[in-house]
Amino acid sequence: MENYSHASTFPNNTYRMDQTNAIFEHSTSTQSFQSPRTQNYLQYATREMIQSTLAPTQTGVPNRKYSLYIVQTSERARMCGFGEKDRRSLSPLPIVQLLVSDETGKPVDIEDIEHTFFVLHATPYKCGTHEEASLVMHPTSQLGFRSQTNTRNLLGNLIANGRKLTDHEGRVGIFFVFQDLSIRTDGDFYFEFSLMYIGCQGMVNTGLHPMSVIASVKSEPFVAYSAKKFPGMIETTSLSRAFSSQGVKIATRSDKKGQKDSTE
């Protein structure tokens, strides 16, 4: 590696990096902080560098087959209404797995997949009518207290990033975990999960290759209950516990009866 040095000056701070060490100095202090010796240096990718690493396809998405499988589906939820304090996550939480194969149908080695470039979006739909249920009219609008105002029906992070995880049976895969979803209204719903690839940033915002859905899957229905009718949370599954032990932020519970008053 060639010698590299860089100096940037910010208000009241100076940062300098050379081949043998990195030093941070504060201009108002005589003390300095020296990090451990390192041989590798950060270099942020430019648009040209990103484009040079894209797959040789029109969109920059690798020319492979992408399949989604729901390995854990939600069964019930307690509606949280229009407050923000008493939120209960869907039980159990939804988990989707991504499988990738080449043009011949042969599975692609997980080590050859950049899983962080994949994101999965969750959209709720009403059972029966199949209408999208992402937004709901706020009650104060329906009572005429103010002009019509819509709010999110599904709370939490609607997008999950791909993670390389080991399931409860010791198998490594790419999973999307929705650990904090809750819903405002009661009724019967299902999800449609849509997969997108964000590794083609070099072509984003050019107007030539908009982000597109490369795979999707629909879940089984789940029931959102009112607070009085809610039968309680389901015991944390073995799969959720396995992912929790690997650093995924999942609240776990050991209550097998799913008592109403216990919290995750």
C-alpha atoms as a PDB file:
ATOM      1  CA  MET A   1       0.000   0.000   0.000  1.00  0.00           C
ATOM      2  CA  GLU A   2       1.223   3.443  -0.845  1.00  0.00           C
ATOM      3  CA  ASN A   3       1.782   5.967   1.891  1.00  0.00           C
ATOM      4  CA  TYR A   4      -1.334   8.006   2.501  1.00  0.00           C
ATOM      5  CA  SER A   5      -1.749  11.111   4.548  1.00  0.00           C
ATOM      6  CA  HIS A   6      -4.670  13.403   4.962  1.00  0.00           C
ATOM      7  CA  ALA A   7      -5.404  16.439   7.084  1.00  0.00           C
ATOM      8  CA  SER A   8      -8.735  18.136   7.558  1.00  0.00           C
ATOM      9  CA  THR A   9      -9.456  21.123   9.759  1.00  0.00           C
ATOM     10  CA  PHE A  10     -12.782  21.583  11.510  1.00  0.00           C
ATOM     11  CA  PRO A  11     -13.853  24.205  14.052  1.00  0.00           C
ATOM     12  CA  ASN A  12     -11.672  23.669  17.140  1.00  0.00           C
ATOM     13  CA  ASN A  13     -10.489  20.275  15.896  1.00  0.00           C
ATOM     14  CA  THR A  14      -7.746  18.844  13.708  1.00  0.00           C
ATOM     15  CA  TYR A  15      -7.557  15.293  12.422  1.00  0.00           C
ATOM     16  CA  ARG A  16      -4.396  13.809  10.899  1.00  0.00           C
ATOM     17  CA  MET A  17      -3.761  10.275   9.639  1.00  0.00           C
ATOM     18  CA  ASP A  18      -0.487   8.821   8.361  1.00  0.00           C
ATOM     19  CA  GLN A  19       0.771   5.317   7.686  1.00  0.00           C
ATOM     20  CA  THR A  20       1.832   4.448  11.229  1.00  0.00           C
ATOM     21  CA  ASN A  21      -0.834   5.950  13.413  1.00  0.00           C
ATOM     22  CA  ALA A  22      -3.925   8.120  13.674  1.00  0.00           C
ATOM     23  CA  ILE A  23      -3.867  11.179  15.934  1.00  0.00           C
ATOM     24  CA  PHE A  24      -6.767  13.345  17.037  1.00  0.00           C
ATOM     25  CA  GLU A  25      -5.826  16.753  18.424  1.00  0.00           C
ATOM     26  CA  HIS A  26      -8.042  19.395  19.968  1.00  0.00           C
ATOM     27  CA  SER A  27      -6.733  22.885  19.275  1.00  0.00           C
ATOM     28  CA  THR A  28      -7.762  24.163  22.691  1.00  0.00           C
ATOM     29  CA  SER A  29      -5.979  21.378  24.563  1.00  0.00           C
ATOM     30  CA  THR A  30      -2.381  20.209  24.853  1.00  0.00           C
ATOM     31  CA  GLN A  31      -3.502  16.586  25.169  1.00  0.00           C
ATOM     32  CA  SER A  32      -3.838  14.284  22.188  1.00  0.00           C
ATOM     33  CA  PHE A  33      -5.417  10.894  21.591  1.00  0.00           C
ATOM     34  CA  GLN A  34      -3.501   8.262  19.656  1.00  0.00           C
ATOM     35  CA  SER A  35      -5.303   5.200  18.345  1.00  0.00           C
ATOM     36  CA  PRO A  36      -3.721   1.755  18.007  1.00  0.00           C
ATOM     37  CA  ARG A  37      -1.486   1.247  15.014  1.00  0.00           C
ATOM     38  CA  THR A  38      -3.369   0.277  11.870  1.00  0.00           C
ATOM     39  CA  GLN A  39      -2.441  -0.732   8.339  1.00  0.00           C
ATOM     40  CA  ASN A  40      -5.838  -0.142   6.670  1.00  0.00           C
ATOM     41  CA  TYR A  41      -7.477   3.203   6.072  1.00  0.00           C
ATOM     42  CA  LEU A  42     -11.009   4.307   5.363  1.00  0.00           C
ATOM     43  CA  GLN A  43     -11.740   5.357   1.816  1.00  0.00           C
ATOM     44  CA  TYR A  44     -15.287   6.371   0.988  1.00  0.00           C
ATOM     45  CA  ALA A  45     -16.614   5.121  -2.332  1.00  0.00           C
ATOM     46  CA  THR A  46     -17.298   7.686  -5.035  1.00  0.00           C
ATOM     47  CA  ARG A  47     -20.152   7.341  -7.525  1.00  0.00           C
ATOM     48  CA  GLU A  48     -17.648   6.176 -10.155  1.00  0.00           C
ATOM     49  CA  MET A  49     -16.262   3.513  -7.789  1.00  0.00           C
ATOM     50  CA  ILE A  50     -19.764   2.239  -6.997  1.00  0.00           C
ATOM     51  CA  GLN A  51     -20.698   2.017 -10.664  1.00  0.00           C
ATOM     52  CA  SER A  52     -17.523   0.056 -11.387  1.00  0.00           C
ATOM     53  CA  THR A  53     -18.570  -2.653  -8.895  1.00  0.00           C
ATOM     54  CA  LEU A  54     -22.156  -3.027 -10.120  1.00  0.00           C
ATOM     55  CA  ALA A  55     -23.347  -6.217 -11.714  1.00  0.00           C
ATOM     56  CA  PRO A  56     -23.204  -6.139 -15.522  1.00  0.00           C
ATOM     57  CA  THR A  57     -26.966  -5.656 -15.868  1.00  0.00           C
ATOM     58  CA  GLN A  58     -29.065  -2.648 -16.826  1.00  0.00           C
ATOM     59  CA  THR A  59     -30.196  -1.986 -13.275  1.00  0.00           C
ATOM     60  CA  GLY A  60     -27.027  -3.023 -11.434  1.00  0.00           C
ATOM     61  CA  VAL A  61     -28.918  -5.798  -9.628  1.00  0.00           C
ATOM     62  CA  PRO A  62     -27.103  -9.168  -9.852  1.00  0.00           C
ATOM     63  CA  ASN A  63     -28.795 -11.397 -12.425  1.00  0.00           C
ATOM     64  CA  ARG A  64     -29.991 -14.071 -10.018  1.00  0.00           C
ATOM     65  CA  LYS A  65     -33.261 -15.565  -8.825  1.00  0.00           C
ATOM     66  CA  TYR A  66     -34.532 -14.212  -5.498  1.00  0.00           C
ATOM     67  CA  SER A  67     -37.105 -16.088  -3.428  1.00  0.00           C
ATOM     68  CA  LEU A  68     -38.709 -15.063  -0.141  1.00  0.00           C
ATOM     69  CA  TYR A  69     -39.969 -17.521   2.476  1.00  0.00           C
ATOM     70  CA  ILE A  70     -41.860 -16.555   5.610  1.00  0.00           C
ATOM     71  CA  VAL A  71     -40.264 -18.710   8.286  1.00  0.00           C
ATOM     72  CA  GLN A  72     -42.210 -17.120  11.147  1.00  0.00           C
ATOM     73  CA  THR A  73     -45.565 -15.427  10.745  1.00  0.00           C
ATOM     74  CA  SER A  74     -47.554 -13.296  13.169  1.00  0.00           C
ATOM     75  CA  GLU A  75     -50.714 -14.793  14.636  1.00  0.00           C
ATOM     76  CA  ARG A  76     -52.096 -12.051  16.839  1.00  0.00           C
ATOM     77  CA  ALA A  77     -51.668  -8.464  17.958  1.00  0.00           C
ATOM     78  CA  ARG A  78     -53.116  -6.093  20.490  1.00  0.00           C
ATOM     79  CA  MET A  79     -54.294  -2.890  18.812  1.00  0.00           C
ATOM     80  CA  CYS A  80     -52.509   0.123  20.270  1.00  0.00           C
ATOM     81  CA  GLY A  81     -55.072   2.749  19.262  1.00  0.00           C
ATOM     82  CA  PHE A  82     -53.979   6.298  18.607  1.00  0.00           C
ATOM     83  CA  GLY A  83     -51.777   6.768  21.637  1.00  0.00           C
ATOM     84  CA  GLU A  84     -48.038   6.253  21.574  1.00  0.00           C
ATOM     85  CA  LYS A  85     -47.385   4.772  25.033  1.00  0.00           C
ATOM     86  CA  ASP A  86     -49.059   1.349  25.167  1.00  0.00           C
ATOM     87  CA  ARG A  87     -47.620  -0.495  22.192  1.00  0.00           C
ATOM     88  CA  ARG A  88     -47.439  -4.289  21.961  1.00  0.00           C
ATOM     89  CA  SER A  89     -45.422  -5.897  19.186  1.00  0.00           C
ATOM     90  CA  LEU A  90     -47.007  -8.452  16.865  1.00  0.00           C
ATOM     91  CA  SER A  91     -46.847 -11.946  18.311  1.00  0.00           C
ATOM     92  CA  PRO A  92     -44.805 -13.730  17.221  1.00  0.00           C
ATOM     93  CA  LEU A  93     -42.774 -11.228  15.239  1.00  0.00           C
ATOM     94  CA  PRO A  94     -42.539 -11.712  11.453  1.00  0.00           C
ATOM     95  CA  ILE A  95     -39.313 -13.211  10.060  1.00  0.00           C
ATOM     96  CA  VAL A  96     -38.639 -13.692   6.350  1.00  0.00           C
ATOM     97  CA  GLN A  97     -35.756 -15.603   4.746  1.00  0.00           C
ATOM     98  CA  LEU A  98     -34.113 -14.805   1.406  1.00  0.00           C
ATOM     99  CA  LEU A  99     -32.880 -17.602  -0.857  1.00  0.00           C
ATOM    100  CA  VAL A 100     -30.743 -16.797  -3.902  1.00  0.00           C
ATOM    101  CA  SER A 101     -30.030 -19.059  -6.874  1.00  0.00           C
ATOM    102  CA  ASP A 102     -28.224 -18.599 -10.174  1.00  0.00           C
ATOM    103  CA  GLU A 103     -29.695 -18.841 -13.680  1.00  0.00           C
ATOM    104  CA  THR A 104     -29.549 -22.641 -13.579  1.00  0.00           C
ATOM    105  CA  GLY A 105     -31.389 -22.832 -10.257  1.00  0.00           C
ATOM    106  CA  LYS A 106     -28.311 -23.743  -8.234  1.00  0.00           C
ATOM    107  CA  PRO A 107     -28.227 -22.106  -4.769  1.00  0.00           C
ATOM    108  CA  VAL A 108     -25.695 -19.300  -4.481  1.00  0.00           C
ATOM    109  CA  ASP A 109     -23.195 -19.597  -1.621  1.00  0.00           C
ATOM    110  CA  ILE A 110     -24.234 -17.198   1.124  1.00  0.00           C
ATOM    111  CA  GLU A 111     -20.652 -15.952   1.355  1.00  0.00           C
ATOM    112  CA  ASP A 112     -20.978 -14.688  -2.221  1.00  0.00           C
ATOM    113  CA  ILE A 113     -24.019 -12.534  -1.379  1.00  0.00           C
ATOM    114  CA  GLU A 114     -23.714  -9.005  -0.004  1.00  0.00           C
ATOM    115  CA  HIS A 115     -26.716  -9.315   2.300  1.00  0.00           C
ATOM    116  CA  THR A 116     -26.533  -5.733   3.591  1.00  0.00           C
ATOM    117  CA  PHE A 117     -27.619  -4.485   0.141  1.00  0.00           C
ATOM    118  CA  PHE A 118     -31.064  -6.098   0.504  1.00  0.00           C
ATOM    119  CA  VAL A 119     -34.003  -4.499   2.335  1.00  0.00           C
ATOM    120  CA  LEU A 120     -37.532  -5.776   2.877  1.00  0.00           C
ATOM    121  CA  HIS A 121     -40.613  -3.552   3.220  1.00  0.00           C
ATOM    122  CA  ALA A 122     -43.808  -4.616   5.028  1.00  0.00           C
ATOM    123  CA  THR A 123     -47.232  -3.406   3.843  1.00  0.00           C
ATOM    124  CA  PRO A 124     -50.441  -4.365   5.719  1.00  0.00           C
ATOM    125  CA  TYR A 125     -53.656  -5.317   3.887  1.00  0.00           C
ATOM    126  CA  LYS A 126     -57.180  -5.996   5.101  1.00  0.00           C
ATOM    127  CA  CYS A 127     -58.365  -9.555   4.722  1.00  0.00           C
ATOM    128  CA  GLY A 128     -61.481  -9.934   2.608  1.00  0.00           C
ATOM    129  CA  THR A 129     -61.300  -6.595   0.790  1.00  0.00           C
ATOM    130  CA  HIS A 130     -57.527  -6.810   0.133  1.00  0.00           C
ATOM    131  CA  GLU A 131     -57.260  -3.036   0.408  1.00  0.00           C
ATOM    132  CA  GLU A 132     -54.024  -1.540   1.653  1.00  0.00           C
ATOM    133  CA  ALA A 133     -54.233  -0.659   5.351  1.00  0.00           C
ATOM    134  CA  SER A 134     -51.115   1.480   5.751  1.00  0.00           C
ATOM    135  CA  LEU A 135     -53.031   4.634   6.653  1.00  0.00           C
ATOM    136  CA  VAL A 136     -56.076   5.218   8.832  1.00  0.00           C
ATOM    137  CA  MET A 137     -58.129   8.334   9.464  1.00  0.00           C
ATOM    138  CA  HIS A 138     -57.523   9.873  12.876  1.00  0.00           C
ATOM    139  CA  PRO A 139     -60.643   9.703  15.128  1.00  0.00           C
ATOM    140  CA  THR A 140     -60.649  13.448  15.737  1.00  0.00           C
ATOM    141  CA  SER A 141     -61.091  13.936  12.000  1.00  0.00           C
ATOM    142  CA  GLN A 142     -64.097  11.614  11.931  1.00  0.00           C
ATOM    143  CA  LEU A 143     -65.724  13.543  14.781  1.00  0.00           C
ATOM    144  CA  GLY A 144     -65.302  16.810  12.948  1.00  0.00           C
ATOM    145  CA  PHE A 145     -62.890  18.399  15.445  1.00  0.00           C
ATOM    146  CA  ARG A 146     -60.381  19.138  12.683  1.00  0.00           C
ATOM    147  CA  SER A 147     -59.809  18.638   8.984  1.00  0.00           C
ATOM    148  CA  GLN A 148     -59.253  15.122   7.706  1.00  0.00           C
ATOM    149  CA  THR A 149     -55.957  13.769   8.976  1.00  0.00           C
ATOM    150  CA  ASN A 150     -54.518  10.366   8.149  1.00  0.00           C
ATOM    151  CA  THR A 151     -51.940   8.613  10.280  1.00  0.00           C
ATOM    152  CA  ARG A 152     -49.899   5.432  10.034  1.00  0.00           C
ATOM    153  CA  ASN A 153     -51.801   2.296  10.939  1.00  0.00           C
ATOM    154  CA  LEU A 154     -48.689   0.168  11.261  1.00  0.00           C
ATOM    155  CA  LEU A 155     -46.136   1.483  13.760  1.00  0.00           C
ATOM    156  CA  GLY A 156     -42.488   0.605  14.142  1.00  0.00           C
ATOM    157  CA  ASN A 157     -39.825   0.040  11.512  1.00  0.00           C
ATOM    158  CA  LEU A 158     -41.522  -1.025   8.279  1.00  0.00           C
ATOM    159  CA  ILE A 159     -38.173  -1.826   6.634  1.00  0.00           C
ATOM    160  CA  ALA A 160     -35.831  -4.612   7.729  1.00  0.00           C
ATOM    161  CA  ASN A 161     -32.239  -5.018   6.586  1.00  0.00           C
ATOM    162  CA  GLY A 162     -30.861  -8.373   5.511  1.00  0.00           C
ATOM    163  CA  ARG A 163     -28.871 -10.120   8.254  1.00  0.00           C
ATOM    164  CA  LYS A 164     -26.697 -13.214   8.076  1.00  0.00           C
ATOM    165  CA  LEU A 165     -27.899 -15.295  11.020  1.00  0.00           C
ATOM    166  CA  THR A 166     -27.941 -18.872  12.263  1.00  0.00           C
ATOM    167  CA  ASP A 167     -31.384 -20.287  12.986  1.00  0.00           C
ATOM    168  CA  HIS A 168     -32.358 -22.516  15.912  1.00  0.00           C
ATOM    169  CA  GLU A 169     -31.397 -25.622  13.919  1.00  0.00           C
ATOM    170  CA  GLY A 170     -27.880 -24.389  13.157  1.00  0.00           C
ATOM    171  CA  ARG A 171     -28.509 -23.354   9.541  1.00  0.00           C
ATOM    172  CA  VAL A 172     -26.986 -20.091   8.280  1.00  0.00           C
ATOM    173  CA  GLY A 173     -29.125 -17.857   6.097  1.00  0.00           C
ATOM    174  CA  ILE A 174     -30.146 -14.323   5.194  1.00  0.00           C
ATOM    175  CA  PHE A 175     -33.086 -13.188   7.307  1.00  0.00           C
ATOM    176  CA  PHE A 176     -35.231 -10.084   7.716  1.00  0.00           C
ATOM    177  CA  VAL A 177     -36.541  -9.558  11.250  1.00  0.00           C
ATOM    178  CA  PHE A 178     -39.382  -7.121  11.997  1.00  0.00           C
ATOM    179  CA  GLN A 179     -38.958  -6.836  15.751  1.00  0.00           C
ATOM    180  CA  ASP A 180     -41.076  -3.809  16.695  1.00  0.00           C
ATOM    181  CA  LEU A 181     -44.221  -3.724  14.534  1.00  0.00           C
ATOM    182  CA  SER A 182     -47.553  -2.886  16.142  1.00  0.00           C
ATOM    183  CA  ILE A 183     -50.921  -1.881  14.711  1.00  0.00           C
ATOM    184  CA  ARG A 184     -53.418   0.828  15.669  1.00  0.00           C
ATOM    185  CA  THR A 185     -56.728  -0.780  14.635  1.00  0.00           C
ATOM    186  CA  ASP A 186     -58.400  -4.135  15.208  1.00  0.00           C
ATOM    187  CA  GLY A 187     -59.401  -6.592  12.517  1.00  0.00           C
ATOM    188  CA  ASP A 188     -57.973  -9.294  10.282  1.00  0.00           C
ATOM    189  CA  PHE A 189     -54.847  -8.372   8.300  1.00  0.00           C
ATOM    190  CA  TYR A 190     -52.022  -9.872   6.289  1.00  0.00           C
ATOM    191  CA  PHE A 191     -48.657  -8.566   5.092  1.00  0.00           C
ATOM    192  CA  GLU A 192     -47.079  -8.241   1.708  1.00  0.00           C
ATOM    193  CA  PHE A 193     -43.287  -8.174   1.989  1.00  0.00           C
ATOM    194  CA  SER A 194     -41.409  -6.528  -0.900  1.00  0.00           C
ATOM    195  CA  LEU A 195     -37.688  -7.057  -1.531  1.00  0.00           C
ATOM    196  CA  MET A 196     -35.451  -4.306  -2.947  1.00  0.00           C
ATOM    197  CA  TYR A 197     -31.763  -4.110  -3.718  1.00  0.00           C
ATOM    198  CA  ILE A 198     -29.961  -0.915  -2.705  1.00  0.00           C
ATOM    199  CA  GLY A 199     -26.483  -1.872  -3.865  1.00  0.00           C
ATOM    200  CA  CYS A 200     -26.972   0.111  -7.079  1.00  0.00           C
ATOM    201  CA  GLN A 201     -26.614   3.589  -5.527  1.00  0.00           C
ATOM    202  CA  GLY A 202     -24.519   4.660  -8.485  1.00  0.00           C
ATOM    203  CA  MET A 203     -27.674   4.613 -10.616  1.00  0.00           C
ATOM    204  CA  VAL A 204     -30.107   6.025  -8.076  1.00  0.00           C
ATOM    205  CA  ASN A 205     -31.509   9.541  -8.693  1.00  0.00           C
ATOM    206  CA  THR A 206     -30.503   9.478 -12.344  1.00  0.00           C
ATOM    207  CA  GLY A 207     -34.074   8.842 -13.472  1.00  0.00           C
ATOM    208  CA  LEU A 208     -32.860   5.949 -15.621  1.00  0.00           C
ATOM    209  CA  HIS A 209     -33.131   3.045 -13.190  1.00  0.00           C
ATOM    210  CA  PRO A 210     -35.631   3.650 -10.366  1.00  0.00           C
ATOM    211  CA  MET A 211     -35.598   1.278  -7.395  1.00  0.00           C
ATOM    212  CA  SER A 212     -37.774  -1.723  -8.175  1.00  0.00           C
ATOM    213  CA  VAL A 213     -39.228  -4.685  -6.285  1.00  0.00           C
ATOM    214  CA  ILE A 214     -37.338  -7.848  -7.212  1.00  0.00           C
ATOM    215  CA  ALA A 215     -39.412 -10.325  -5.163  1.00  0.00           C
ATOM    216  CA  SER A 216     -42.469 -10.332  -2.909  1.00  0.00           C
ATOM    217  CA  VAL A 217     -44.449 -12.690  -0.702  1.00  0.00           C
ATOM    218  CA  LYS A 218     -47.732 -12.526   1.223  1.00  0.00           C
ATOM    219  CA  SER A 219     -48.173 -13.737   4.778  1.00  0.00           C
ATOM    220  CA  GLU A 220     -50.920 -15.738   6.412  1.00  0.00           C
ATOM    221  CA  PRO A 221     -53.622 -13.626   8.132  1.00  0.00           C
ATOM    222  CA  PHE A 222     -53.263 -12.433  11.706  1.00  0.00           C
ATOM    223  CA  VAL A 223     -55.852 -10.967  14.063  1.00  0.00           C
ATOM    224  CA  ALA A 224     -55.517  -7.619  15.819  1.00  0.00           C
ATOM    225  CA  TYR A 225     -57.651  -7.602  18.990  1.00  0.00           C
ATOM    226  CA  SER A 226     -58.971  -4.820  21.148  1.00  0.00           C
ATOM    227  CA  ALA A 227     -57.360  -4.528  24.582  1.00  0.00           C
ATOM    228  CA  LYS A 228     -60.298  -6.304  26.288  1.00  0.00           C
ATOM    229  CA  LYS A 229     -60.404  -9.221  23.865  1.00  0.00           C
ATOM    230  CA  PHE A 230     -56.652  -9.732  23.460  1.00  0.00           C
ATOM    231  CA  PRO A 231     -55.811 -13.326  24.566  1.00  0.00           C
ATOM    232  CA  GLY A 232     -52.197 -12.476  25.425  1.00  0.00           C
ATOM    233  CA  MET A 233     -48.741 -12.678  23.886  1.00  0.00           C
ATOM    234  CA  ILE A 234     -47.451 -15.972  22.539  1.00  0.00           C
ATOM    235  CA  GLU A 235     -44.350 -17.510  24.106  1.00  0.00           C
ATOM    236  CA  THR A 236     -41.136 -16.439  22.397  1.00  0.00           C
ATOM    237  CA  THR A 237     -40.238 -18.957  19.700  1.00  0.00           C
ATOM    238  CA  SER A 238     -36.995 -20.907  19.445  1.00  0.00           C
ATOM    239  CA  LEU A 239     -36.142 -19.000  16.273  1.00  0.00           C
ATOM    240  CA  SER A 240     -36.570 -15.622  17.976  1.00  0.00           C
ATOM    241  CA  ARG A 241     -34.426 -16.760  20.890  1.00  0.00           C
ATOM    242  CA  ALA A 242     -31.704 -17.947  18.525  1.00  0.00           C
ATOM    243  CA  PHE A 243     -31.609 -14.568  16.781  1.00  0.00           C
ATOM    244  CA  SER A 244     -31.759 -12.685  20.068  1.00  0.00           C
ATOM    245  CA  SER A 245     -28.641 -14.537  21.241  1.00  0.00           C
ATOM    246  CA  GLN A 246     -26.857 -13.256  18.118  1.00  0.00           C
ATOM    247  CA  GLY A 247     -27.489  -9.603  18.866  1.00  0.00           C
ATOM    248  CA  VAL A 248     -30.875  -8.970  17.251  1.00  0.00           C
ATOM    249  CA  LYS A 249     -32.914  -6.784  19.593  1.00  0.00           C
ATOM    250  CA  ILE A 250     -35.821  -9.068  20.401  1.00  0.00           C
ATOM    251  CA  ALA A 251     -37.635  -8.983  23.709  1.00  0.00           C
ATOM    252  CA  THR A 252     -38.085 -12.536  24.950  1.00  0.00           C
ATOM    253  CA  ARG A 253     -40.564 -14.069  27.370  1.00  0.00           C
ATOM    254  CA  SER A 254     -40.803 -17.470  29.040  1.00  0.00           C
ATOM    255  CA  ASP A 255     -44.490 -17.266  29.922  1.00  0.00           C
ATOM    256  CA  LYS A 256     -46.109 -20.226  28.165  1.00  0.00           C
ATOM    257  CA  LYS A 257     -49.639 -19.124  28.960  1.00  0.00           C
ATOM    258  CA  GLY A 258     -49.240 -15.690  27.403  1.00  0.00           C
ATOM    259  CA  GLN A 259     -50.800 -13.785  30.297  1.00  0.00           C
ATOM    260  CA  LYS A 260     -52.344 -10.454  29.385  1.00  0.00           C
ATOM    261  CA  ASP A 261     -50.523  -8.376  31.971  1.00  0.00           C
ATOM    262  CA  SER A 262     -46.995  -9.600  31.237  1.00  0.00           C
ATOM    263  CA  THR A 263     -44.774  -7.528  28.988  1.00  0.00           C
ATOM    264  CA  GLU A 264     -42.038  -8.417  26.540  1.00  0.00           C
END
